[in-house]
Structures are given as structure tokens and as C-alpha cells.
Amino acid sequence: MAQRPIIILPDPKLRLVSAKIERVDDPLRRLIDDMIETMHEAPGVGLAAIQVAEPIRLLVVDVAKKEEEPDPQVFINPEIVWSSEERATYEEGCLSIPEYYAEVERPASVRASALDRDGKLREVLAEGLLATVLQHEIDHLDGVLFIDHISKLKRDRVIKKFQKAAKRAGDGSHVL
């Protein structure tokens, strides 16, 4: 396993729509392991493949509390197949938008369908934090960031801040 660099706003790759995965094989499982290590080290509760510059429909999630054993879950080609009418608001952050947090309202519960690391189809009914993380990470696969769910004024301020930081870094990008 190896940690991967996480791409940071304003990297244009974050706006790509990720491609469907056609085959679950050993190279994909190595990427999954690298992503889990990267997510845990960051530390974060979710990571989409596009955040490590791999534009494929893959994400990893681990919502175990700090005092619990890690419990990473893998979602290959995830889809939300049902969302509740009930809404919930969480303060969200993102490894690709470090040190910025905002309240985002989303469906409180979702049912997601995906392949696991062995290529077996699974369905998960997610509530609470897991529901929020799945929606946040699936958004990444479609080129959507959590700041797209906040006001345009706040979003524009955040984007401008990260563009300035990238220019100060000298090469137009900033990698954690």
C-alpha cells in the first residue's frame, strides 16, 4: 500500500465526470488499498478516486469513530437508487478543499447500489453520517463539490481563496 497525493481545488480534474469501471482486478484492488491508506492518513471519512487523480467511479468510506476499529467500505460504480424525503444538515469538509467547512443539507437517508472489492453487487441503506458521506463522495464522481451546495457568494469566495493559494504555490496547483 502507498499513500497517494490528494488533488486540491482549483485543480480542474475535480470537475471531471468519472468513468464507469469495467473490470474489478488486482490493479484496481491495489488502488483501493492505497485510497484507504490515504483516507485514513489524511484523516478523512471518505475519498473518491478522482481526488487522487484517477477519474474512475470508485470511492472508499470509513465512518468508524476514532475509538473503534477502522471499518473501510468500498463502492465501485456506486449509484443512489433511492433518497428519503426527510432532509438532514451536516457540517461538511473535503480533503480536496482543506480547512473549509460549511453546512450542507441533503437527504437524511439513501439506498446505494455498488460493487464491492470482489466485484459482488451490494446494496446499502445509509442513514446519518454514512448517508451524507456517500452523497458527498458520489457527487465527486460527477464533478460536483460540496461547495456547489452552498450560496454562490460563499462558493465564489472559497474558489478565489484557493486560486490565490495555487498561484502563490507557483505552479498553478497545490497538492497536499
N, C-alpha and C. Protein backbone atom coordinates (compact mmCIF):
# COMPACT_ATOMS: atom_id res chain seq x y z
N MET A 1 0.84 -1.19 0.00
CA MET A 1 0.00 0.00 0.00
C MET A 1 0.88 1.25 0.00
N ALA A 2 0.32 2.30 -0.57
CA ALA A 2 1.05 3.56 -0.63
C ALA A 2 0.08 4.72 -0.57
N GLN A 3 0.49 5.76 0.13
CA GLN A 3 -0.32 6.97 0.15
C GLN A 3 -0.22 7.66 -1.19
N ARG A 4 -1.32 8.24 -1.62
CA ARG A 4 -1.37 8.98 -2.89
C ARG A 4 -1.56 10.46 -2.58
N PRO A 5 -1.00 11.33 -3.41
CA PRO A 5 -1.27 12.76 -3.22
C PRO A 5 -2.74 13.07 -3.54
N ILE A 6 -3.31 13.94 -2.73
CA ILE A 6 -4.70 14.36 -2.92
C ILE A 6 -4.69 15.67 -3.70
N ILE A 7 -5.46 15.73 -4.79
CA ILE A 7 -5.52 16.97 -5.56
C ILE A 7 -6.43 17.98 -4.85
N ILE A 8 -6.08 19.24 -5.00
CA ILE A 8 -6.71 20.33 -4.26
C ILE A 8 -7.36 21.31 -5.22
N LEU A 9 -8.48 21.89 -4.80
CA LEU A 9 -9.10 22.99 -5.52
C LEU A 9 -8.03 24.04 -5.77
N PRO A 10 -7.86 24.63 -6.92
CA PRO A 10 -8.74 24.68 -8.08
C PRO A 10 -8.41 23.65 -9.17
N ASP A 11 -7.76 22.55 -8.86
CA ASP A 11 -7.40 21.56 -9.88
C ASP A 11 -8.63 21.22 -10.73
N PRO A 12 -8.55 21.42 -12.06
CA PRO A 12 -9.72 21.18 -12.93
C PRO A 12 -10.15 19.71 -12.97
N LYS A 13 -9.27 18.78 -12.60
CA LYS A 13 -9.66 17.37 -12.58
C LYS A 13 -10.83 17.12 -11.64
N LEU A 14 -10.94 17.95 -10.59
CA LEU A 14 -12.04 17.77 -9.63
C LEU A 14 -13.41 17.96 -10.28
N ARG A 15 -13.45 18.56 -11.45
CA ARG A 15 -14.73 18.79 -12.15
C ARG A 15 -15.01 17.74 -13.23
N LEU A 16 -14.11 16.75 -13.37
CA LEU A 16 -14.34 15.69 -14.36
C LEU A 16 -15.46 14.75 -13.91
N VAL A 17 -16.18 14.20 -14.88
CA VAL A 17 -17.14 13.13 -14.61
C VAL A 17 -16.36 11.82 -14.76
N SER A 18 -16.35 11.02 -13.71
CA SER A 18 -15.54 9.80 -13.70
C SER A 18 -16.17 8.68 -14.53
N ALA A 19 -15.31 7.86 -15.11
CA ALA A 19 -15.74 6.77 -15.99
C ALA A 19 -16.13 5.54 -15.20
N LYS A 20 -17.10 4.81 -15.74
CA LYS A 20 -17.54 3.55 -15.14
C LYS A 20 -16.38 2.54 -15.18
N ILE A 21 -16.28 1.74 -14.13
CA ILE A 21 -15.24 0.71 -14.06
C ILE A 21 -15.77 -0.55 -14.72
N GLU A 22 -15.01 -1.07 -15.66
CA GLU A 22 -15.46 -2.25 -16.43
C GLU A 22 -15.02 -3.57 -15.80
N ARG A 23 -13.91 -3.55 -15.04
CA ARG A 23 -13.39 -4.82 -14.52
C ARG A 23 -12.80 -4.61 -13.12
N VAL A 24 -13.16 -5.49 -12.20
CA VAL A 24 -12.57 -5.48 -10.87
C VAL A 24 -11.42 -6.48 -10.89
N ASP A 25 -10.19 -5.96 -10.78
CA ASP A 25 -8.99 -6.81 -10.88
C ASP A 25 -7.97 -6.39 -9.83
N ASP A 26 -6.80 -7.03 -9.86
CA ASP A 26 -5.77 -6.75 -8.86
C ASP A 26 -5.26 -5.31 -8.89
N PRO A 27 -5.00 -4.71 -10.07
CA PRO A 27 -4.59 -3.31 -10.06
C PRO A 27 -5.64 -2.39 -9.41
N LEU A 28 -6.92 -2.67 -9.64
CA LEU A 28 -7.97 -1.87 -9.01
C LEU A 28 -7.95 -2.07 -7.49
N ARG A 29 -7.77 -3.31 -7.04
CA ARG A 29 -7.71 -3.58 -5.60
C ARG A 29 -6.49 -2.91 -4.96
N ARG A 30 -5.37 -2.80 -5.69
CA ARG A 30 -4.21 -2.06 -5.16
C ARG A 30 -4.55 -0.58 -5.00
N LEU A 31 -5.25 -0.02 -5.99
CA LEU A 31 -5.69 1.38 -5.89
C LEU A 31 -6.62 1.54 -4.68
N ILE A 32 -7.54 0.60 -4.49
CA ILE A 32 -8.45 0.65 -3.34
C ILE A 32 -7.65 0.68 -2.04
N ASP A 33 -6.67 -0.20 -1.90
CA ASP A 33 -5.85 -0.23 -0.69
C ASP A 33 -5.11 1.08 -0.49
N ASP A 34 -4.56 1.63 -1.58
CA ASP A 34 -3.86 2.92 -1.50
C ASP A 34 -4.82 4.02 -1.06
N MET A 35 -6.03 4.00 -1.61
CA MET A 35 -7.02 5.03 -1.26
C MET A 35 -7.43 4.93 0.21
N ILE A 36 -7.59 3.71 0.72
CA ILE A 36 -7.96 3.54 2.13
C ILE A 36 -6.84 4.09 3.02
N GLU A 37 -5.59 3.77 2.68
CA GLU A 37 -4.47 4.28 3.46
C GLU A 37 -4.42 5.81 3.39
N THR A 38 -4.60 6.36 2.20
CA THR A 38 -4.58 7.81 2.01
C THR A 38 -5.68 8.48 2.82
N MET A 39 -6.89 7.90 2.78
CA MET A 39 -8.04 8.46 3.51
C MET A 39 -7.76 8.44 5.02
N HIS A 40 -7.27 7.31 5.53
CA HIS A 40 -7.01 7.21 6.97
C HIS A 40 -5.90 8.17 7.41
N GLU A 41 -4.86 8.33 6.60
CA GLU A 41 -3.74 9.20 6.96
C GLU A 41 -4.12 10.67 6.89
N ALA A 42 -5.09 11.04 6.07
CA ALA A 42 -5.39 12.45 5.79
C ALA A 42 -5.72 13.30 7.03
N PRO A 43 -6.54 12.94 8.00
CA PRO A 43 -7.51 11.86 8.03
C PRO A 43 -8.85 12.33 7.48
N GLY A 44 -9.57 11.39 6.86
CA GLY A 44 -10.89 11.69 6.34
C GLY A 44 -11.81 10.51 6.53
N VAL A 45 -13.10 10.70 6.20
CA VAL A 45 -14.09 9.63 6.32
C VAL A 45 -14.53 9.12 4.96
N GLY A 46 -14.07 9.77 3.88
CA GLY A 46 -14.40 9.32 2.54
C GLY A 46 -13.39 9.85 1.55
N LEU A 47 -13.22 9.13 0.45
CA LEU A 47 -12.30 9.56 -0.60
C LEU A 47 -12.76 8.97 -1.92
N ALA A 48 -12.91 9.84 -2.91
CA ALA A 48 -13.26 9.41 -4.27
C ALA A 48 -11.98 9.29 -5.08
N ALA A 49 -11.96 8.35 -6.03
CA ALA A 49 -10.75 8.12 -6.83
C ALA A 49 -10.29 9.39 -7.54
N ILE A 50 -11.21 10.24 -7.97
CA ILE A 50 -10.82 11.47 -8.67
C ILE A 50 -9.97 12.36 -7.77
N GLN A 51 -10.12 12.24 -6.46
CA GLN A 51 -9.33 13.07 -5.54
C GLN A 51 -7.86 12.66 -5.51
N VAL A 52 -7.56 11.46 -6.02
CA VAL A 52 -6.16 11.04 -6.18
C VAL A 52 -5.84 10.96 -7.67
N ALA A 53 -6.56 11.79 -8.45
CA ALA A 53 -6.33 11.98 -9.89
C ALA A 53 -6.63 10.73 -10.72
N GLU A 54 -7.53 9.88 -10.26
CA GLU A 54 -7.97 8.70 -11.02
C GLU A 54 -9.45 8.91 -11.37
N PRO A 55 -9.76 9.29 -12.61
CA PRO A 55 -11.16 9.62 -12.96
C PRO A 55 -12.01 8.38 -13.23
N ILE A 56 -12.16 7.54 -12.21
CA ILE A 56 -12.99 6.33 -12.31
C ILE A 56 -13.99 6.32 -11.17
N ARG A 57 -15.09 5.58 -11.35
CA ARG A 57 -16.20 5.59 -10.39
C ARG A 57 -15.91 4.63 -9.23
N LEU A 58 -15.08 5.12 -8.33
CA LEU A 58 -14.64 4.35 -7.17
C LEU A 58 -14.57 5.29 -5.97
N LEU A 59 -15.05 4.81 -4.84
CA LEU A 59 -14.88 5.57 -3.61
C LEU A 59 -14.72 4.63 -2.43
N VAL A 60 -14.06 5.14 -1.39
CA VAL A 60 -13.90 4.41 -0.14
C VAL A 60 -14.44 5.28 0.98
N VAL A 61 -14.99 4.63 2.00
CA VAL A 61 -15.63 5.32 3.12
C VAL A 61 -15.28 4.58 4.40
N ASP A 62 -15.05 5.33 5.47
CA ASP A 62 -14.89 4.72 6.79
C ASP A 62 -15.41 5.70 7.83
N VAL A 63 -16.62 5.40 8.34
CA VAL A 63 -17.24 6.30 9.31
C VAL A 63 -17.11 5.77 10.74
N ALA A 64 -16.20 4.81 10.97
CA ALA A 64 -15.95 4.32 12.33
C ALA A 64 -15.42 5.47 13.18
N LYS A 65 -15.85 5.50 14.44
CA LYS A 65 -15.36 6.54 15.36
C LYS A 65 -13.90 6.26 15.71
N LYS A 66 -13.20 7.30 16.17
CA LYS A 66 -11.76 7.17 16.46
C LYS A 66 -11.45 6.02 17.42
N GLU A 67 -12.33 5.79 18.40
CA GLU A 67 -12.07 4.74 19.39
C GLU A 67 -12.45 3.34 18.88
N GLU A 68 -13.06 3.27 17.71
CA GLU A 68 -13.46 1.98 17.12
C GLU A 68 -12.40 1.50 16.13
N GLU A 69 -12.45 0.21 15.84
CA GLU A 69 -11.58 -0.35 14.80
C GLU A 69 -11.98 0.25 13.45
N PRO A 70 -11.01 0.52 12.58
CA PRO A 70 -11.36 1.01 11.24
C PRO A 70 -12.27 0.00 10.53
N ASP A 71 -13.21 0.52 9.76
CA ASP A 71 -14.16 -0.33 9.04
C ASP A 71 -14.39 0.23 7.64
N PRO A 72 -13.34 0.18 6.80
CA PRO A 72 -13.48 0.78 5.46
C PRO A 72 -14.46 0.00 4.58
N GLN A 73 -15.22 0.75 3.80
CA GLN A 73 -16.15 0.17 2.84
C GLN A 73 -15.76 0.66 1.45
N VAL A 74 -15.94 -0.20 0.47
CA VAL A 74 -15.57 0.09 -0.91
C VAL A 74 -16.83 0.13 -1.77
N PHE A 75 -16.93 1.15 -2.63
CA PHE A 75 -18.07 1.30 -3.52
C PHE A 75 -17.55 1.51 -4.94
N ILE A 76 -17.74 0.52 -5.80
CA ILE A 76 -17.33 0.58 -7.20
C ILE A 76 -18.58 0.82 -8.03
N ASN A 77 -18.55 1.82 -8.90
CA ASN A 77 -19.71 2.22 -9.71
C ASN A 77 -20.95 2.47 -8.84
N PRO A 78 -20.80 3.26 -7.78
CA PRO A 78 -21.94 3.48 -6.89
C PRO A 78 -23.04 4.32 -7.54
N GLU A 79 -24.26 4.00 -7.16
CA GLU A 79 -25.44 4.77 -7.60
C GLU A 79 -26.38 4.92 -6.44
N ILE A 80 -26.97 6.08 -6.30
CA ILE A 80 -28.04 6.25 -5.32
C ILE A 80 -29.32 5.85 -6.01
N VAL A 81 -29.96 4.82 -5.48
CA VAL A 81 -31.17 4.29 -6.12
C VAL A 81 -32.44 4.77 -5.42
N TRP A 82 -32.29 5.38 -4.24
CA TRP A 82 -33.43 5.92 -3.51
C TRP A 82 -32.93 6.95 -2.51
N SER A 83 -33.68 8.03 -2.35
CA SER A 83 -33.37 9.07 -1.35
C SER A 83 -34.63 9.37 -0.56
N SER A 84 -34.47 9.61 0.72
CA SER A 84 -35.62 9.94 1.57
C SER A 84 -36.09 11.37 1.30
N GLU A 85 -37.33 11.62 1.60
CA GLU A 85 -37.88 12.99 1.54
C GLU A 85 -37.30 13.80 2.69
N GLU A 86 -37.08 13.13 3.84
CA GLU A 86 -36.54 13.80 5.03
C GLU A 86 -35.14 14.32 4.72
N ARG A 87 -34.84 15.51 5.23
CA ARG A 87 -33.54 16.14 4.98
C ARG A 87 -32.74 16.20 6.28
N ALA A 88 -31.42 16.26 6.14
CA ALA A 88 -30.52 16.42 7.28
C ALA A 88 -29.42 17.38 6.89
N THR A 89 -28.94 18.13 7.86
CA THR A 89 -27.86 19.09 7.62
C THR A 89 -26.63 18.67 8.41
N TYR A 90 -25.50 18.60 7.73
CA TYR A 90 -24.22 18.29 8.37
C TYR A 90 -23.21 19.35 7.97
N GLU A 91 -22.27 19.59 8.87
CA GLU A 91 -21.15 20.45 8.51
C GLU A 91 -20.17 19.56 7.75
N GLU A 92 -19.97 19.88 6.48
CA GLU A 92 -19.11 19.07 5.63
C GLU A 92 -17.79 19.77 5.39
N GLY A 93 -16.79 18.94 5.18
CA GLY A 93 -15.47 19.39 4.77
C GLY A 93 -15.03 18.47 3.65
N CYS A 94 -13.86 18.71 3.09
CA CYS A 94 -13.39 17.90 1.97
C CYS A 94 -11.87 17.90 1.95
N LEU A 95 -11.29 16.72 1.73
CA LEU A 95 -9.83 16.62 1.67
C LEU A 95 -9.26 17.43 0.50
N SER A 96 -10.08 17.70 -0.52
CA SER A 96 -9.63 18.49 -1.67
C SER A 96 -9.89 19.99 -1.49
N ILE A 97 -10.54 20.35 -0.37
CA ILE A 97 -10.77 21.76 -0.03
C ILE A 97 -10.40 21.89 1.45
N PRO A 98 -9.10 21.75 1.77
CA PRO A 98 -8.69 21.66 3.17
C PRO A 98 -9.05 22.89 4.00
N GLU A 99 -9.43 22.60 5.23
CA GLU A 99 -9.70 23.63 6.25
C GLU A 99 -10.86 24.55 5.90
N TYR A 100 -11.79 24.08 5.07
CA TYR A 100 -13.02 24.84 4.82
C TYR A 100 -14.20 23.92 5.12
N TYR A 101 -15.15 24.43 5.88
CA TYR A 101 -16.33 23.65 6.28
C TYR A 101 -17.57 24.49 6.07
N ALA A 102 -18.67 23.82 5.70
CA ALA A 102 -19.94 24.53 5.53
C ALA A 102 -21.08 23.56 5.77
N GLU A 103 -22.19 24.10 6.22
CA GLU A 103 -23.38 23.29 6.44
C GLU A 103 -24.03 23.00 5.09
N VAL A 104 -24.33 21.71 4.86
CA VAL A 104 -24.95 21.28 3.61
C VAL A 104 -26.16 20.41 3.97
N GLU A 105 -27.27 20.72 3.30
CA GLU A 105 -28.49 19.93 3.50
C GLU A 105 -28.62 18.91 2.38
N ARG A 106 -28.88 17.65 2.78
CA ARG A 106 -29.03 16.55 1.82
C ARG A 106 -30.13 15.62 2.32
N PRO A 107 -30.56 14.65 1.50
CA PRO A 107 -31.49 13.65 2.02
C PRO A 107 -30.89 12.94 3.25
N ALA A 108 -31.72 12.69 4.26
CA ALA A 108 -31.26 12.08 5.52
C ALA A 108 -30.88 10.62 5.34
N SER A 109 -31.53 9.93 4.41
CA SER A 109 -31.25 8.51 4.16
C SER A 109 -31.18 8.27 2.66
N VAL A 110 -30.31 7.35 2.27
CA VAL A 110 -30.22 6.95 0.87
C VAL A 110 -30.00 5.44 0.79
N ARG A 111 -30.41 4.88 -0.32
CA ARG A 111 -30.07 3.49 -0.63
C ARG A 111 -29.12 3.55 -1.81
N ALA A 112 -27.93 2.94 -1.61
CA ALA A 112 -26.91 2.97 -2.66
C ALA A 112 -26.62 1.55 -3.13
N SER A 113 -26.40 1.42 -4.41
CA SER A 113 -26.05 0.16 -5.04
C SER A 113 -24.63 0.30 -5.58
N ALA A 114 -23.80 -0.73 -5.40
CA ALA A 114 -22.42 -0.67 -5.89
C ALA A 114 -21.83 -2.08 -5.89
N LEU A 115 -20.69 -2.20 -6.54
CA LEU A 115 -19.91 -3.43 -6.46
C LEU A 115 -18.93 -3.28 -5.29
N ASP A 116 -18.60 -4.41 -4.63
CA ASP A 116 -17.59 -4.37 -3.58
C ASP A 116 -16.22 -4.69 -4.18
N ARG A 117 -15.20 -4.82 -3.36
CA ARG A 117 -13.84 -5.04 -3.86
C ARG A 117 -13.66 -6.37 -4.57
N ASP A 118 -14.63 -7.29 -4.39
CA ASP A 118 -14.60 -8.59 -5.08
C ASP A 118 -15.48 -8.59 -6.33
N GLY A 119 -16.11 -7.45 -6.64
CA GLY A 119 -16.96 -7.36 -7.81
C GLY A 119 -18.37 -7.85 -7.58
N LYS A 120 -18.74 -8.07 -6.30
CA LYS A 120 -20.11 -8.53 -5.99
C LYS A 120 -21.01 -7.31 -5.78
N LEU A 121 -22.21 -7.39 -6.36
CA LEU A 121 -23.19 -6.31 -6.22
C LEU A 121 -23.71 -6.28 -4.79
N ARG A 122 -23.78 -5.08 -4.21
CA ARG A 122 -24.33 -4.93 -2.87
C ARG A 122 -25.20 -3.70 -2.83
N GLU A 123 -26.11 -3.68 -1.89
CA GLU A 123 -26.96 -2.51 -1.68
C GLU A 123 -26.88 -2.14 -0.21
N VAL A 124 -26.79 -0.86 0.07
CA VAL A 124 -26.64 -0.37 1.43
C VAL A 124 -27.72 0.67 1.69
N LEU A 125 -28.41 0.53 2.82
CA LEU A 125 -29.30 1.59 3.28
C LEU A 125 -28.49 2.43 4.25
N ALA A 126 -28.22 3.66 3.88
CA ALA A 126 -27.37 4.53 4.68
C ALA A 126 -28.19 5.64 5.31
N GLU A 127 -27.89 5.89 6.59
CA GLU A 127 -28.54 6.98 7.32
C GLU A 127 -27.46 7.78 8.03
N GLY A 128 -27.82 8.98 8.48
CA GLY A 128 -26.88 9.78 9.26
C GLY A 128 -25.62 10.12 8.49
N LEU A 129 -24.49 10.01 9.18
CA LEU A 129 -23.20 10.39 8.60
C LEU A 129 -22.88 9.58 7.35
N LEU A 130 -23.15 8.27 7.36
CA LEU A 130 -22.86 7.44 6.19
C LEU A 130 -23.63 7.93 4.97
N ALA A 131 -24.89 8.31 5.15
CA ALA A 131 -25.69 8.83 4.03
C ALA A 131 -25.06 10.10 3.47
N THR A 132 -24.64 10.99 4.36
CA THR A 132 -24.01 12.25 3.92
C THR A 132 -22.71 11.98 3.18
N VAL A 133 -21.86 11.10 3.73
CA VAL A 133 -20.56 10.82 3.12
C VAL A 133 -20.76 10.18 1.74
N LEU A 134 -21.68 9.23 1.63
CA LEU A 134 -21.91 8.60 0.32
C LEU A 134 -22.35 9.63 -0.72
N GLN A 135 -23.27 10.52 -0.34
CA GLN A 135 -23.73 11.53 -1.29
C GLN A 135 -22.60 12.49 -1.67
N HIS A 136 -21.80 12.88 -0.69
CA HIS A 136 -20.66 13.78 -0.93
C HIS A 136 -19.67 13.14 -1.91
N GLU A 137 -19.33 11.86 -1.66
CA GLU A 137 -18.33 11.19 -2.50
C GLU A 137 -18.88 10.85 -3.89
N ILE A 138 -20.15 10.46 -3.98
CA ILE A 138 -20.74 10.20 -5.30
C ILE A 138 -20.81 11.49 -6.10
N ASP A 139 -21.08 12.62 -5.43
CA ASP A 139 -21.02 13.91 -6.11
C ASP A 139 -19.66 14.10 -6.78
N HIS A 140 -18.57 13.75 -6.05
CA HIS A 140 -17.22 13.89 -6.63
C HIS A 140 -17.12 13.15 -7.97
N LEU A 141 -17.73 11.98 -8.05
CA LEU A 141 -17.65 11.17 -9.27
C LEU A 141 -18.34 11.85 -10.45
N ASP A 142 -19.21 12.80 -10.14
CA ASP A 142 -19.94 13.54 -11.16
C ASP A 142 -19.39 14.97 -11.33
N GLY A 143 -18.23 15.25 -10.74
CA GLY A 143 -17.62 16.57 -10.88
C GLY A 143 -18.26 17.64 -10.02
N VAL A 144 -18.99 17.22 -8.99
CA VAL A 144 -19.70 18.15 -8.10
C VAL A 144 -18.97 18.19 -6.76
N LEU A 145 -18.74 19.40 -6.25
CA LEU A 145 -18.10 19.58 -4.95
C LEU A 145 -19.12 20.03 -3.92
N PHE A 146 -18.84 19.79 -2.64
CA PHE A 146 -19.82 20.18 -1.62
C PHE A 146 -20.08 21.68 -1.61
N ILE A 147 -19.12 22.47 -2.07
CA ILE A 147 -19.33 23.92 -2.12
C ILE A 147 -20.36 24.30 -3.19
N ASP A 148 -20.70 23.37 -4.08
CA ASP A 148 -21.75 23.63 -5.07
C ASP A 148 -23.13 23.64 -4.42
N HIS A 149 -23.21 23.17 -3.17
CA HIS A 149 -24.48 23.12 -2.45
C HIS A 149 -24.65 24.31 -1.50
N ILE A 150 -23.70 25.26 -1.53
CA ILE A 150 -23.82 26.44 -0.67
C ILE A 150 -24.09 27.66 -1.57
N SER A 151 -24.27 28.82 -0.95
CA SER A 151 -24.59 30.02 -1.74
C SER A 151 -23.47 30.36 -2.71
N LYS A 152 -23.85 30.98 -3.82
CA LYS A 152 -22.87 31.36 -4.84
C LYS A 152 -21.83 32.32 -4.26
N LEU A 153 -22.24 33.23 -3.41
CA LEU A 153 -21.31 34.19 -2.80
C LEU A 153 -20.23 33.46 -2.00
N LYS A 154 -20.64 32.54 -1.13
CA LYS A 154 -19.67 31.78 -0.32
C LYS A 154 -18.79 30.92 -1.21
N ARG A 155 -19.40 30.27 -2.18
CA ARG A 155 -18.65 29.40 -3.10
C ARG A 155 -17.59 30.19 -3.85
N ASP A 156 -17.97 31.36 -4.39
CA ASP A 156 -17.02 32.18 -5.14
C ASP A 156 -15.85 32.62 -4.25
N ARG A 157 -16.13 32.94 -2.98
CA ARG A 157 -15.07 33.33 -2.05
C ARG A 157 -14.09 32.19 -1.83
N VAL A 158 -14.61 30.98 -1.63
CA VAL A 158 -13.75 29.81 -1.40
C VAL A 158 -12.89 29.54 -2.62
N ILE A 159 -13.49 29.55 -3.80
CA ILE A 159 -12.75 29.28 -5.03
C ILE A 159 -11.64 30.31 -5.21
N LYS A 160 -11.96 31.59 -4.99
CA LYS A 160 -10.97 32.65 -5.15
C LYS A 160 -9.81 32.45 -4.17
N LYS A 161 -10.11 32.08 -2.93
CA LYS A 161 -9.07 31.83 -1.92
C LYS A 161 -8.12 30.72 -2.38
N PHE A 162 -8.67 29.63 -2.90
CA PHE A 162 -7.83 28.50 -3.32
C PHE A 162 -7.07 28.82 -4.62
N GLN A 163 -7.66 29.65 -5.49
CA GLN A 163 -6.94 30.06 -6.69
C GLN A 163 -5.73 30.91 -6.32
N LYS A 164 -5.90 31.82 -5.35
CA LYS A 164 -4.77 32.65 -4.89
C LYS A 164 -3.68 31.78 -4.28
N ALA A 165 -4.08 30.80 -3.45
CA ALA A 165 -3.10 29.91 -2.82
C ALA A 165 -2.34 29.12 -3.88
N ALA A 166 -3.03 28.69 -4.93
CA ALA A 166 -2.37 27.93 -6.00
C ALA A 166 -1.36 28.81 -6.75
N LYS A 167 -1.72 30.07 -6.98
CA LYS A 167 -0.79 30.99 -7.65
C LYS A 167 0.44 31.23 -6.78
N ARG A 168 0.23 31.38 -5.46
CA ARG A 168 1.36 31.58 -4.56
C ARG A 168 2.26 30.35 -4.55
N ALA A 169 1.68 29.17 -4.74
CA ALA A 169 2.47 27.94 -4.78
C ALA A 169 3.37 27.92 -6.01
N GLY A 170 3.02 28.75 -7.00
CA GLY A 170 3.92 28.94 -8.12
C GLY A 170 3.60 28.17 -9.38
N ASP A 171 3.00 27.01 -9.26
CA ASP A 171 2.80 26.21 -10.47
C ASP A 171 1.33 26.10 -10.85
N GLY A 172 0.48 26.86 -10.17
CA GLY A 172 -0.94 26.82 -10.51
C GLY A 172 -1.69 25.68 -9.88
N SER A 173 -0.99 24.83 -9.13
CA SER A 173 -1.69 23.76 -8.41
C SER A 173 -1.10 23.64 -7.02
N HIS A 174 -1.84 23.01 -6.16
CA HIS A 174 -1.41 22.86 -4.78
C HIS A 174 -1.79 21.45 -4.34
N VAL A 175 -0.80 20.67 -3.99
CA VAL A 175 -1.07 19.27 -3.60
C VAL A 175 -0.71 19.08 -2.15
N LEU A 176 -1.58 18.41 -1.42
CA LEU A 176 -1.31 18.12 -0.01
C LEU A 176 -0.12 17.22 0.15
